[in-house]
Every structure is written in structure tokens, then in C-alpha cells.
Amino acid sequence: MNDIRQIVERLGLTGEREAALHVTLLRELALGQPVTIERLAKSLNWTPDEVVLVLDELPAGTIEYDGQGRLIGYGITLRETPHAFVVNDQTLYTWCALDALMFPIVIDEHAQVQSPCPHTNKPVTLTVTPQGVLLLQPEDAVISLVSVAAEGDIRSAFCCDVLFFASRQAGEAWCRDKPHANIVSVQEGFELGQRIAHLILDRARSH
């Protein structure tokens, strides 16, 4: 349904510097605290001006800031969403179900994920490692995927409709009003996320 390069580009990761910033920022956010420009620059071994330049070139809506100008979200976020993402006892969140399956690979950490099924309100829980999905409950849980729309930021065009469902039946019932969506298994979602994550990591390593 989606070309993985199209998803990566909608995140603004069109080059090596953008990918390097994305990976480094996700790993900093996974520590559970807002990230200053100066801290991000130090982690990247860049100047603060270089960080600001790359941030300013990213598409609108791809970075979340707090009231002090610190970075608090870019796929992984410190702001509450339906997708809880616990890493090393730090409760974080992701923008969508695919993020929750993909980002443990990028940050090289295990994550405990919990997200309510929007059709039944039953919780979907799982552990995601860089190698795969463990302890999925319910075992027949699925996720929805949609095409990346041509317009709008990645969150409104994609993330808002990429969700966990307690069963294929629940997912298909939700999809009836969304002809642009389809349902895949959590394993298929992980495999898609794995391909995206490795593309991002490869670009970041090239920097």
C-alpha cells in the first residue's frame, strides 16, 4: 500500500543529515525528558545553528516543542497519545501504531506498548523488541494502514488512522467508513516498520 520511501520522505527524512537528527532525537526522547537544541547538538557533534537549520527544513508538524522551545516529539512524544510506549520504565507515547512497532528498532530498546482498540475499547498490549513482537494480547490483534495522503502533515495524513485493533473483525468494522484504509496483522506491521527503520538507520549511518 505504501512505498516506504514515501513515508520516510513525509517525515522529512530526505537526506543523511535529517535521518541522523531523527535517530539521535528519538534516542534522546526515549530517556523521557525534553531535549534542548544544545543537548541535541552535542549528541550529534553539530553546532546548535546546524541543528536549527535542519529542524527548520523539516515539514510542518513533524516536530513537537514545549513552551520553552525544547523538543518533545518526533514520532516518539512526551505528550500523551492513545499509544503508550514504555522504555526502561519511562512512559512515553507514539503518534501511531506503526511508530510503536518501528521505533524499538531505531532506538535499539525493548518497549511495552498499550493502545485501546478504537472499535471495542479493549486494550491491545504487546512487547516490541528490535527483533520482533512478543506477548501480543489479544493474539489476533491487527493494525490499520492508510496511504500517505498527498497533502497535510504526516500526523493528520497518516498517523491518525494507523491504529491497533483487538481483532480483524473490529478493524474491518472500523474500516467500513474509511475506504482508504486496510487491515494487516501486527507481524506484517512490524515487518513494514522494520523496512522503514532500516532505511532511516542506513541513511543516518551514511552521514
N, C-alpha and C. Protein backbone atom coordinates (compact mmCIF):
# COMPACT_ATOMS: atom_id res chain seq x y z
N MET A 1 0.82 -1.21 0.00
CA MET A 1 0.00 0.00 0.00
C MET A 1 0.85 1.25 0.00
N ASN A 2 1.91 1.26 0.78
CA ASN A 2 2.76 2.44 0.85
C ASN A 2 4.17 2.13 0.39
N ASP A 3 4.71 3.02 -0.38
CA ASP A 3 6.13 2.95 -0.66
C ASP A 3 6.86 3.45 0.58
N ILE A 4 7.78 2.66 1.11
CA ILE A 4 8.41 3.05 2.38
C ILE A 4 9.20 4.34 2.23
N ARG A 5 9.75 4.58 1.05
CA ARG A 5 10.48 5.83 0.85
C ARG A 5 9.55 7.03 0.92
N GLN A 6 8.30 6.84 0.48
CA GLN A 6 7.34 7.94 0.55
C GLN A 6 7.05 8.30 2.01
N ILE A 7 6.90 7.29 2.86
CA ILE A 7 6.66 7.55 4.28
C ILE A 7 7.85 8.27 4.90
N VAL A 8 9.05 7.78 4.59
CA VAL A 8 10.27 8.39 5.14
C VAL A 8 10.38 9.85 4.69
N GLU A 9 10.05 10.11 3.43
CA GLU A 9 10.15 11.48 2.94
C GLU A 9 9.09 12.38 3.55
N ARG A 10 7.91 11.84 3.85
CA ARG A 10 6.88 12.65 4.50
C ARG A 10 7.28 13.03 5.92
N LEU A 11 8.15 12.23 6.52
CA LEU A 11 8.72 12.58 7.83
C LEU A 11 9.82 13.64 7.69
N GLY A 12 10.17 13.97 6.46
CA GLY A 12 11.22 14.96 6.22
C GLY A 12 12.61 14.36 6.16
N LEU A 13 12.69 13.03 6.09
CA LEU A 13 13.99 12.37 6.16
C LEU A 13 14.53 12.13 4.76
N THR A 14 14.69 13.23 4.02
CA THR A 14 15.08 13.14 2.63
C THR A 14 16.59 13.00 2.44
N GLY A 15 17.35 13.25 3.48
CA GLY A 15 18.80 13.20 3.35
C GLY A 15 19.46 12.60 4.58
N GLU A 16 20.77 12.49 4.52
CA GLU A 16 21.52 11.86 5.61
C GLU A 16 21.47 12.68 6.90
N ARG A 17 21.56 14.00 6.79
CA ARG A 17 21.55 14.83 8.00
C ARG A 17 20.20 14.75 8.71
N GLU A 18 19.12 14.77 7.93
CA GLU A 18 17.79 14.68 8.53
C GLU A 18 17.60 13.34 9.23
N ALA A 19 18.08 12.27 8.59
CA ALA A 19 17.96 10.95 9.20
C ALA A 19 18.79 10.86 10.48
N ALA A 20 20.00 11.41 10.45
CA ALA A 20 20.86 11.40 11.64
C ALA A 20 20.20 12.15 12.79
N LEU A 21 19.60 13.30 12.49
CA LEU A 21 18.90 14.07 13.53
C LEU A 21 17.73 13.27 14.08
N HIS A 22 16.96 12.64 13.19
CA HIS A 22 15.79 11.86 13.62
C HIS A 22 16.18 10.74 14.58
N VAL A 23 17.18 9.96 14.20
CA VAL A 23 17.61 8.83 15.03
C VAL A 23 18.12 9.33 16.39
N THR A 24 18.94 10.35 16.36
CA THR A 24 19.52 10.88 17.60
C THR A 24 18.44 11.47 18.49
N LEU A 25 17.51 12.21 17.91
CA LEU A 25 16.45 12.81 18.71
C LEU A 25 15.54 11.74 19.32
N LEU A 26 15.21 10.71 18.56
CA LEU A 26 14.39 9.62 19.12
C LEU A 26 15.09 8.97 20.32
N ARG A 27 16.39 8.76 20.21
CA ARG A 27 17.12 8.12 21.32
C ARG A 27 17.20 9.04 22.53
N GLU A 28 17.28 10.34 22.30
CA GLU A 28 17.25 11.29 23.41
C GLU A 28 15.86 11.34 24.05
N LEU A 29 14.81 11.39 23.22
CA LEU A 29 13.44 11.42 23.75
C LEU A 29 13.12 10.16 24.54
N ALA A 30 13.71 9.04 24.15
CA ALA A 30 13.45 7.77 24.84
C ALA A 30 13.95 7.80 26.29
N LEU A 31 14.78 8.79 26.63
CA LEU A 31 15.24 8.94 28.02
C LEU A 31 14.16 9.60 28.88
N GLY A 32 13.11 10.15 28.23
CA GLY A 32 11.95 10.63 28.98
C GLY A 32 11.95 12.08 29.37
N GLN A 33 12.86 12.88 28.80
CA GLN A 33 12.94 14.30 29.15
C GLN A 33 12.93 15.16 27.90
N PRO A 34 12.41 16.40 27.99
CA PRO A 34 12.51 17.31 26.86
C PRO A 34 13.97 17.50 26.44
N VAL A 35 14.19 17.72 25.17
CA VAL A 35 15.54 17.79 24.62
C VAL A 35 15.81 19.23 24.15
N THR A 36 16.85 19.83 24.67
CA THR A 36 17.21 21.18 24.23
C THR A 36 17.98 21.11 22.91
N ILE A 37 17.99 22.20 22.19
CA ILE A 37 18.78 22.29 20.96
C ILE A 37 20.24 22.00 21.27
N GLU A 38 20.74 22.54 22.39
CA GLU A 38 22.14 22.37 22.75
C GLU A 38 22.47 20.90 23.03
N ARG A 39 21.58 20.22 23.72
CA ARG A 39 21.83 18.81 24.02
C ARG A 39 21.81 17.97 22.74
N LEU A 40 20.87 18.26 21.87
CA LEU A 40 20.80 17.53 20.61
C LEU A 40 22.05 17.79 19.77
N ALA A 41 22.49 19.05 19.76
CA ALA A 41 23.71 19.39 19.01
C ALA A 41 24.92 18.62 19.56
N LYS A 42 25.03 18.55 20.87
CA LYS A 42 26.16 17.83 21.47
C LYS A 42 26.12 16.35 21.10
N SER A 43 24.93 15.75 21.14
CA SER A 43 24.80 14.33 20.80
C SER A 43 25.15 14.05 19.35
N LEU A 44 24.85 15.02 18.48
CA LEU A 44 25.13 14.87 17.06
C LEU A 44 26.55 15.31 16.68
N ASN A 45 27.21 15.98 17.61
CA ASN A 45 28.51 16.61 17.34
C ASN A 45 28.37 17.67 16.25
N TRP A 46 27.26 18.42 16.34
CA TRP A 46 26.99 19.55 15.45
C TRP A 46 27.01 20.83 16.29
N THR A 47 26.95 21.96 15.61
CA THR A 47 26.71 23.23 16.32
C THR A 47 25.20 23.41 16.49
N PRO A 48 24.77 24.18 17.49
CA PRO A 48 23.34 24.46 17.62
C PRO A 48 22.75 25.07 16.35
N ASP A 49 23.50 25.92 15.67
CA ASP A 49 23.00 26.53 14.43
C ASP A 49 22.74 25.47 13.36
N GLU A 50 23.59 24.46 13.30
CA GLU A 50 23.37 23.38 12.32
C GLU A 50 22.09 22.62 12.65
N VAL A 51 21.83 22.37 13.94
CA VAL A 51 20.61 21.68 14.34
C VAL A 51 19.38 22.50 13.94
N VAL A 52 19.41 23.79 14.25
CA VAL A 52 18.27 24.66 13.93
C VAL A 52 18.03 24.69 12.42
N LEU A 53 19.09 24.71 11.65
CA LEU A 53 18.96 24.75 10.19
C LEU A 53 18.22 23.51 9.68
N VAL A 54 18.60 22.33 10.18
CA VAL A 54 17.94 21.10 9.73
C VAL A 54 16.50 21.05 10.24
N LEU A 55 16.28 21.44 11.49
CA LEU A 55 14.92 21.46 12.03
C LEU A 55 14.01 22.37 11.21
N ASP A 56 14.53 23.51 10.81
CA ASP A 56 13.73 24.47 10.05
C ASP A 56 13.36 23.96 8.67
N GLU A 57 14.12 23.01 8.16
CA GLU A 57 13.85 22.46 6.83
C GLU A 57 12.85 21.30 6.86
N LEU A 58 12.53 20.79 8.05
CA LEU A 58 11.59 19.67 8.14
C LEU A 58 10.17 20.14 7.84
N PRO A 59 9.32 19.24 7.33
CA PRO A 59 7.94 19.63 7.04
C PRO A 59 7.20 20.09 8.31
N ALA A 60 6.26 20.99 8.12
CA ALA A 60 5.45 21.47 9.25
C ALA A 60 4.77 20.30 9.93
N GLY A 61 4.73 20.35 11.27
CA GLY A 61 4.02 19.33 12.02
C GLY A 61 4.83 18.11 12.37
N THR A 62 6.12 18.06 11.98
CA THR A 62 6.89 16.86 12.27
C THR A 62 7.67 16.95 13.59
N ILE A 63 7.76 18.13 14.16
CA ILE A 63 8.45 18.29 15.45
C ILE A 63 7.49 18.92 16.45
N GLU A 64 7.46 18.39 17.67
CA GLU A 64 6.69 18.99 18.76
C GLU A 64 7.65 19.69 19.72
N TYR A 65 7.27 20.89 20.14
CA TYR A 65 8.05 21.67 21.09
C TYR A 65 7.21 21.94 22.33
N ASP A 66 7.89 22.17 23.47
CA ASP A 66 7.16 22.64 24.65
C ASP A 66 7.23 24.17 24.69
N GLY A 67 6.69 24.75 25.75
CA GLY A 67 6.63 26.20 25.86
C GLY A 67 7.98 26.87 26.00
N GLN A 68 9.02 26.09 26.29
CA GLN A 68 10.37 26.63 26.43
C GLN A 68 11.23 26.40 25.19
N GLY A 69 10.59 25.93 24.11
CA GLY A 69 11.33 25.71 22.89
C GLY A 69 12.14 24.42 22.86
N ARG A 70 11.88 23.53 23.82
CA ARG A 70 12.58 22.25 23.83
C ARG A 70 11.80 21.24 22.97
N LEU A 71 12.52 20.28 22.42
CA LEU A 71 11.89 19.29 21.56
C LEU A 71 11.28 18.19 22.43
N ILE A 72 10.02 17.86 22.16
CA ILE A 72 9.35 16.83 22.97
C ILE A 72 8.68 15.75 22.12
N GLY A 73 8.78 15.85 20.78
CA GLY A 73 8.16 14.81 19.97
C GLY A 73 8.60 14.83 18.52
N TYR A 74 8.76 13.60 17.98
CA TYR A 74 9.04 13.42 16.56
C TYR A 74 8.79 11.94 16.26
N GLY A 75 7.52 11.52 16.36
CA GLY A 75 7.17 10.09 16.26
C GLY A 75 7.06 9.48 17.65
N ILE A 76 8.12 9.50 18.44
CA ILE A 76 8.05 9.30 19.89
C ILE A 76 7.77 10.67 20.50
N THR A 77 6.86 10.72 21.46
CA THR A 77 6.49 12.00 22.04
C THR A 77 6.32 11.89 23.55
N LEU A 78 6.57 12.99 24.24
CA LEU A 78 6.32 13.06 25.68
C LEU A 78 4.88 13.47 25.97
N ARG A 79 4.15 13.91 24.93
CA ARG A 79 2.73 14.25 25.10
C ARG A 79 1.88 13.00 24.96
N GLU A 80 0.85 12.89 25.80
CA GLU A 80 0.03 11.70 25.81
C GLU A 80 -0.73 11.52 24.49
N THR A 81 -0.70 10.31 23.98
CA THR A 81 -1.50 9.89 22.83
C THR A 81 -2.15 8.56 23.22
N PRO A 82 -2.97 7.96 22.36
CA PRO A 82 -3.54 6.65 22.70
C PRO A 82 -2.50 5.53 22.79
N HIS A 83 -1.30 5.76 22.27
CA HIS A 83 -0.32 4.68 22.15
C HIS A 83 0.78 4.82 23.19
N ALA A 84 0.58 4.20 24.36
CA ALA A 84 1.60 4.25 25.41
C ALA A 84 2.78 3.37 25.00
N PHE A 85 3.99 3.86 25.31
CA PHE A 85 5.23 3.26 24.81
C PHE A 85 6.25 3.36 25.95
N VAL A 86 6.39 2.28 26.71
CA VAL A 86 7.21 2.32 27.92
C VAL A 86 8.59 1.73 27.61
N VAL A 87 9.62 2.55 27.83
CA VAL A 87 11.00 2.15 27.56
C VAL A 87 11.81 2.38 28.83
N ASN A 88 12.41 1.31 29.35
CA ASN A 88 13.22 1.42 30.58
C ASN A 88 12.46 2.15 31.69
N ASP A 89 11.20 1.77 31.87
CA ASP A 89 10.32 2.31 32.92
C ASP A 89 9.91 3.76 32.68
N GLN A 90 10.26 4.34 31.54
CA GLN A 90 9.82 5.68 31.18
C GLN A 90 8.57 5.56 30.30
N THR A 91 7.47 6.18 30.74
CA THR A 91 6.25 6.14 29.94
C THR A 91 6.29 7.24 28.89
N LEU A 92 6.40 6.81 27.66
CA LEU A 92 6.41 7.69 26.51
C LEU A 92 5.17 7.36 25.67
N TYR A 93 5.05 8.00 24.53
CA TYR A 93 3.93 7.75 23.63
C TYR A 93 4.43 7.80 22.19
N THR A 94 3.65 7.22 21.29
CA THR A 94 3.96 7.35 19.86
C THR A 94 2.77 7.95 19.15
N TRP A 95 3.04 8.44 17.95
CA TRP A 95 1.98 9.07 17.17
C TRP A 95 1.01 8.04 16.60
N CYS A 96 1.48 6.82 16.33
CA CYS A 96 0.59 5.83 15.72
C CYS A 96 1.08 4.42 16.03
N ALA A 97 0.28 3.43 15.60
CA ALA A 97 0.62 2.03 15.86
C ALA A 97 1.91 1.62 15.14
N LEU A 98 2.09 2.11 13.92
CA LEU A 98 3.30 1.74 13.18
C LEU A 98 4.55 2.28 13.87
N ASP A 99 4.47 3.49 14.43
CA ASP A 99 5.60 4.03 15.20
C ASP A 99 5.98 3.09 16.33
N ALA A 100 4.97 2.58 17.03
CA ALA A 100 5.23 1.72 18.18
C ALA A 100 5.92 0.42 17.76
N LEU A 101 5.65 -0.02 16.54
CA LEU A 101 6.29 -1.24 16.04
C LEU A 101 7.67 -0.96 15.44
N MET A 102 7.89 0.25 14.99
CA MET A 102 9.10 0.59 14.26
C MET A 102 10.22 1.13 15.15
N PHE A 103 9.87 1.97 16.12
CA PHE A 103 10.90 2.72 16.82
C PHE A 103 11.76 1.91 17.78
N PRO A 104 11.30 0.76 18.32
CA PRO A 104 12.26 -0.04 19.09
C PRO A 104 13.49 -0.45 18.27
N ILE A 105 13.31 -0.61 16.96
CA ILE A 105 14.46 -0.92 16.10
C ILE A 105 15.38 0.29 16.01
N VAL A 106 14.80 1.48 15.86
CA VAL A 106 15.60 2.69 15.69
C VAL A 106 16.37 3.03 16.96
N ILE A 107 15.71 2.89 18.12
CA ILE A 107 16.38 3.26 19.37
C ILE A 107 17.11 2.08 20.02
N ASP A 108 16.95 0.88 19.44
CA ASP A 108 17.61 -0.34 19.93
C ASP A 108 17.25 -0.62 21.39
N GLU A 109 15.95 -0.58 21.66
CA GLU A 109 15.44 -0.85 23.00
C GLU A 109 14.15 -1.67 22.91
N HIS A 110 13.83 -2.38 23.99
CA HIS A 110 12.53 -3.03 24.10
C HIS A 110 11.50 -2.00 24.55
N ALA A 111 10.25 -2.15 24.11
CA ALA A 111 9.18 -1.25 24.55
C ALA A 111 7.93 -2.07 24.87
N GLN A 112 7.28 -1.69 25.96
CA GLN A 112 5.96 -2.24 26.28
C GLN A 112 4.92 -1.27 25.73
N VAL A 113 4.05 -1.79 24.91
CA VAL A 113 3.08 -0.95 24.20
C VAL A 113 1.67 -1.30 24.66
N GLN A 114 0.86 -0.27 24.90
CA GLN A 114 -0.55 -0.48 25.18
C GLN A 114 -1.36 0.58 24.46
N SER A 115 -2.42 0.12 23.77
CA SER A 115 -3.23 1.04 22.99
C SER A 115 -4.67 0.52 22.96
N PRO A 116 -5.67 1.37 23.18
CA PRO A 116 -7.05 0.89 23.16
C PRO A 116 -7.54 0.68 21.73
N CYS A 117 -8.26 -0.40 21.51
CA CYS A 117 -8.92 -0.63 20.23
C CYS A 117 -10.01 0.43 20.05
N PRO A 118 -9.97 1.23 18.98
CA PRO A 118 -10.97 2.30 18.85
C PRO A 118 -12.38 1.79 18.56
N HIS A 119 -12.51 0.52 18.21
CA HIS A 119 -13.85 -0.03 17.94
C HIS A 119 -14.47 -0.68 19.17
N THR A 120 -13.65 -1.41 19.95
CA THR A 120 -14.17 -2.13 21.13
C THR A 120 -13.73 -1.50 22.45
N ASN A 121 -12.73 -0.63 22.40
CA ASN A 121 -12.11 -0.02 23.58
C ASN A 121 -11.33 -1.02 24.43
N LYS A 122 -11.16 -2.24 23.96
CA LYS A 122 -10.34 -3.21 24.67
C LYS A 122 -8.87 -2.86 24.47
N PRO A 123 -8.03 -3.02 25.51
CA PRO A 123 -6.62 -2.71 25.33
C PRO A 123 -5.90 -3.76 24.48
N VAL A 124 -5.05 -3.29 23.62
CA VAL A 124 -4.11 -4.16 22.90
C VAL A 124 -2.75 -3.94 23.56
N THR A 125 -2.12 -5.02 24.02
CA THR A 125 -0.83 -4.91 24.68
C THR A 125 0.18 -5.82 23.99
N LEU A 126 1.42 -5.39 23.98
CA LEU A 126 2.49 -6.16 23.35
C LEU A 126 3.83 -5.63 23.80
N THR A 127 4.84 -6.46 23.66
CA THR A 127 6.22 -6.04 23.83
C THR A 127 6.87 -6.06 22.46
N VAL A 128 7.54 -4.97 22.13
CA VAL A 128 8.22 -4.89 20.83
C VAL A 128 9.71 -4.77 21.08
N THR A 129 10.47 -5.65 20.47
CA THR A 129 11.93 -5.62 20.57
C THR A 129 12.49 -5.26 19.19
N PRO A 130 13.78 -4.97 19.09
CA PRO A 130 14.34 -4.74 17.76
C PRO A 130 14.22 -5.94 16.83
N GLN A 131 13.98 -7.13 17.42
CA GLN A 131 13.91 -8.35 16.61
C GLN A 131 12.48 -8.79 16.30
N GLY A 132 11.50 -8.33 17.07
CA GLY A 132 10.15 -8.81 16.80
C GLY A 132 9.15 -8.44 17.88
N VAL A 133 7.96 -9.01 17.75
CA VAL A 133 6.83 -8.73 18.65
C VAL A 133 6.65 -9.93 19.58
N LEU A 134 6.51 -9.64 20.87
CA LEU A 134 6.30 -10.67 21.89
C LEU A 134 5.02 -10.35 22.68
N LEU A 135 4.43 -11.38 23.25
CA LEU A 135 3.36 -11.23 24.25
C LEU A 135 2.19 -10.38 23.74
N LEU A 136 1.82 -10.58 22.49
CA LEU A 136 0.70 -9.83 21.92
C LEU A 136 -0.61 -10.33 22.50
N GLN A 137 -1.39 -9.40 23.04
CA GLN A 137 -2.72 -9.71 23.57
C GLN A 137 -3.71 -8.64 23.12
N PRO A 138 -4.84 -9.01 22.56
CA PRO A 138 -5.23 -10.35 22.11
C PRO A 138 -4.32 -10.85 20.98
N GLU A 139 -4.20 -12.16 20.88
CA GLU A 139 -3.26 -12.73 19.92
C GLU A 139 -3.65 -12.42 18.48
N ASP A 140 -4.94 -12.15 18.22
CA ASP A 140 -5.37 -11.86 16.85
C ASP A 140 -5.52 -10.36 16.60
N ALA A 141 -4.87 -9.54 17.43
CA ALA A 141 -4.90 -8.09 17.22
C ALA A 141 -4.28 -7.76 15.86
N VAL A 142 -4.73 -6.63 15.30
CA VAL A 142 -4.27 -6.19 13.98
C VAL A 142 -4.02 -4.69 14.04
N ILE A 143 -3.50 -4.13 12.93
CA ILE A 143 -3.39 -2.69 12.82
C ILE A 143 -4.00 -2.23 11.49
N SER A 144 -4.39 -0.98 11.46
CA SER A 144 -4.86 -0.37 10.21
C SER A 144 -3.71 0.39 9.57
N LEU A 145 -3.71 0.41 8.24
CA LEU A 145 -2.75 1.19 7.48
C LEU A 145 -3.50 2.00 6.43
N VAL A 146 -3.00 3.16 6.12
CA VAL A 146 -3.60 4.01 5.10
C VAL A 146 -2.49 4.52 4.18
N SER A 147 -2.88 4.93 3.00
CA SER A 147 -1.92 5.56 2.10
C SER A 147 -1.50 6.90 2.65
N VAL A 148 -0.27 7.29 2.38
CA VAL A 148 0.19 8.61 2.78
C VAL A 148 -0.44 9.63 1.84
N ALA A 149 -1.29 10.48 2.37
CA ALA A 149 -2.00 11.45 1.54
C ALA A 149 -1.02 12.46 0.96
N ALA A 150 -1.41 13.05 -0.14
CA ALA A 150 -0.53 14.00 -0.82
C ALA A 150 -0.38 15.30 -0.06
N GLU A 151 -1.37 15.64 0.76
CA GLU A 151 -1.35 16.92 1.46
C GLU A 151 -1.49 16.70 2.96
N GLY A 152 -1.13 17.73 3.72
CA GLY A 152 -1.25 17.66 5.17
C GLY A 152 0.00 17.09 5.81
N ASP A 153 0.18 17.38 7.10
CA ASP A 153 1.35 16.85 7.79
C ASP A 153 1.17 15.35 8.01
N ILE A 154 2.26 14.68 8.35
CA ILE A 154 2.26 13.22 8.47
C ILE A 154 1.27 12.74 9.51
N ARG A 155 1.06 13.53 10.56
CA ARG A 155 0.15 13.08 11.62
C ARG A 155 -1.30 13.07 11.14
N SER A 156 -1.73 14.15 10.47
CA SER A 156 -3.11 14.20 10.01
C SER A 156 -3.32 13.34 8.77
N ALA A 157 -2.29 13.20 7.94
CA ALA A 157 -2.43 12.46 6.69
C ALA A 157 -2.31 10.95 6.88
N PHE A 158 -1.65 10.53 7.96
CA PHE A 158 -1.32 9.11 8.10
C PHE A 158 -1.55 8.59 9.52
N CYS A 159 -0.90 9.22 10.48
CA CYS A 159 -0.85 8.65 11.83
C CYS A 159 -2.23 8.50 12.48
N CYS A 160 -3.11 9.45 12.24
CA CYS A 160 -4.41 9.44 12.92
C CYS A 160 -5.23 8.19 12.59
N ASP A 161 -4.94 7.55 11.47
CA ASP A 161 -5.70 6.37 11.06
C ASP A 161 -4.88 5.09 11.09
N VAL A 162 -3.72 5.11 11.73
CA VAL A 162 -2.88 3.91 11.85
C VAL A 162 -2.94 3.47 13.32
N LEU A 163 -3.81 2.49 13.59
CA LEU A 163 -4.25 2.18 14.94
C LEU A 163 -4.19 0.68 15.20
N PHE A 164 -4.17 0.30 16.48
CA PHE A 164 -4.29 -1.10 16.88
C PHE A 164 -5.77 -1.45 17.06
N PHE A 165 -6.12 -2.69 16.69
CA PHE A 165 -7.48 -3.20 16.90
C PHE A 165 -7.40 -4.56 17.57
N ALA A 166 -8.40 -4.84 18.40
CA ALA A 166 -8.38 -6.08 19.19
C ALA A 166 -8.58 -7.33 18.34
N SER A 167 -9.14 -7.18 17.14
CA SER A 167 -9.36 -8.32 16.25
C SER A 167 -9.50 -7.81 14.82
N ARG A 168 -9.36 -8.70 13.87
CA ARG A 168 -9.57 -8.32 12.47
C ARG A 168 -11.01 -7.86 12.26
N GLN A 169 -11.95 -8.53 12.92
CA GLN A 169 -13.35 -8.14 12.80
C GLN A 169 -13.56 -6.69 13.24
N ALA A 170 -12.95 -6.32 14.37
CA ALA A 170 -13.07 -4.94 14.86
C ALA A 170 -12.43 -3.97 13.88
N GLY A 171 -11.26 -4.33 13.36
CA GLY A 171 -10.59 -3.45 12.41
C GLY A 171 -11.38 -3.28 11.13
N GLU A 172 -11.95 -4.37 10.63
CA GLU A 172 -12.72 -4.28 9.39
C GLU A 172 -14.01 -3.49 9.59
N ALA A 173 -14.60 -3.60 10.77
CA ALA A 173 -15.80 -2.80 11.06
C ALA A 173 -15.46 -1.31 11.05
N TRP A 174 -14.32 -0.95 11.63
CA TRP A 174 -13.88 0.45 11.63
C TRP A 174 -13.59 0.93 10.21
N CYS A 175 -13.03 0.03 9.39
CA CYS A 175 -12.62 0.38 8.02
C CYS A 175 -13.79 0.62 7.08
N ARG A 176 -14.99 0.19 7.45
CA ARG A 176 -16.11 0.32 6.52
C ARG A 176 -16.35 1.76 6.10
N ASP A 177 -16.07 2.69 7.00
CA ASP A 177 -16.27 4.11 6.68
C ASP A 177 -14.99 4.76 6.16
N LYS A 178 -13.95 3.95 5.96
CA LYS A 178 -12.65 4.51 5.54
C LYS A 178 -12.11 3.68 4.38
N PRO A 179 -12.59 3.97 3.18
CA PRO A 179 -12.18 3.15 2.03
C PRO A 179 -10.69 3.21 1.72
N HIS A 180 -10.00 4.22 2.26
CA HIS A 180 -8.56 4.35 2.01
C HIS A 180 -7.73 3.49 2.95
N ALA A 181 -8.37 2.79 3.90
CA ALA A 181 -7.65 2.03 4.93
C ALA A 181 -7.74 0.53 4.64
N ASN A 182 -6.74 -0.21 5.14
CA ASN A 182 -6.84 -1.66 5.12
C ASN A 182 -6.23 -2.21 6.41
N ILE A 183 -6.48 -3.49 6.66
CA ILE A 183 -6.08 -4.13 7.91
C ILE A 183 -4.98 -5.14 7.63
N VAL A 184 -3.94 -5.10 8.46
CA VAL A 184 -2.86 -6.09 8.35
C VAL A 184 -2.57 -6.63 9.75
N SER A 185 -1.92 -7.78 9.80
CA SER A 185 -1.55 -8.35 11.10
C SER A 185 -0.48 -7.48 11.76
N VAL A 186 -0.36 -7.63 13.06
CA VAL A 186 0.69 -6.90 13.78
C VAL A 186 2.06 -7.32 13.26
N GLN A 187 2.23 -8.60 12.93
CA GLN A 187 3.51 -9.05 12.38
C GLN A 187 3.80 -8.37 11.05
N GLU A 188 2.80 -8.24 10.19
CA GLU A 188 3.01 -7.54 8.92
C GLU A 188 3.34 -6.06 9.16
N GLY A 189 2.69 -5.46 10.16
CA GLY A 189 3.01 -4.08 10.52
C GLY A 189 4.44 -3.95 11.02
N PHE A 190 4.88 -4.92 11.82
CA PHE A 190 6.27 -4.90 12.31
C PHE A 190 7.24 -5.00 11.14
N GLU A 191 6.94 -5.87 10.18
CA GLU A 191 7.84 -6.06 9.05
C GLU A 191 7.93 -4.79 8.19
N LEU A 192 6.79 -4.10 8.02
CA LEU A 192 6.83 -2.81 7.32
C LEU A 192 7.66 -1.81 8.11
N GLY A 193 7.42 -1.72 9.43
CA GLY A 193 8.19 -0.82 10.27
C GLY A 193 9.67 -1.14 10.25
N GLN A 194 10.00 -2.43 10.18
CA GLN A 194 11.40 -2.86 10.13
C GLN A 194 12.08 -2.32 8.87
N ARG A 195 11.38 -2.39 7.75
CA ARG A 195 11.96 -1.90 6.50
C ARG A 195 12.16 -0.38 6.56
N ILE A 196 11.18 0.33 7.11
CA ILE A 196 11.31 1.78 7.23
C ILE A 196 12.46 2.13 8.17
N ALA A 197 12.51 1.44 9.32
CA ALA A 197 13.55 1.72 10.32
C ALA A 197 14.94 1.50 9.74
N HIS A 198 15.12 0.43 8.99
CA HIS A 198 16.45 0.15 8.44
C HIS A 198 16.82 1.16 7.36
N LEU A 199 15.84 1.64 6.62
CA LEU A 199 16.12 2.69 5.64
C LEU A 199 16.59 3.96 6.34
N ILE A 200 15.90 4.33 7.43
CA ILE A 200 16.29 5.51 8.21
C ILE A 200 17.68 5.32 8.80
N LEU A 201 17.92 4.16 9.41
CA LEU A 201 19.22 3.91 10.03
C LEU A 201 20.35 3.91 9.01
N ASP A 202 20.09 3.34 7.85
CA ASP A 202 21.11 3.33 6.80
C ASP A 202 21.45 4.76 6.36
N ARG A 203 20.43 5.59 6.20
CA ARG A 203 20.68 6.98 5.82
C ARG A 203 21.45 7.72 6.92
N ALA A 204 21.09 7.45 8.17
CA ALA A 204 21.74 8.13 9.29
C ALA A 204 23.21 7.72 9.38
N ARG A 205 23.50 6.45 9.14
CA ARG A 205 24.89 5.97 9.23
C ARG A 205 25.74 6.54 8.11
N SER A 206 25.11 6.92 7.00
CA SER A 206 25.85 7.46 5.87
C SER A 206 26.35 8.86 6.13
N HIS A 207 25.77 9.49 7.20
CA HIS A 207 26.13 10.88 7.48
C HIS A 207 27.56 10.98 8.01
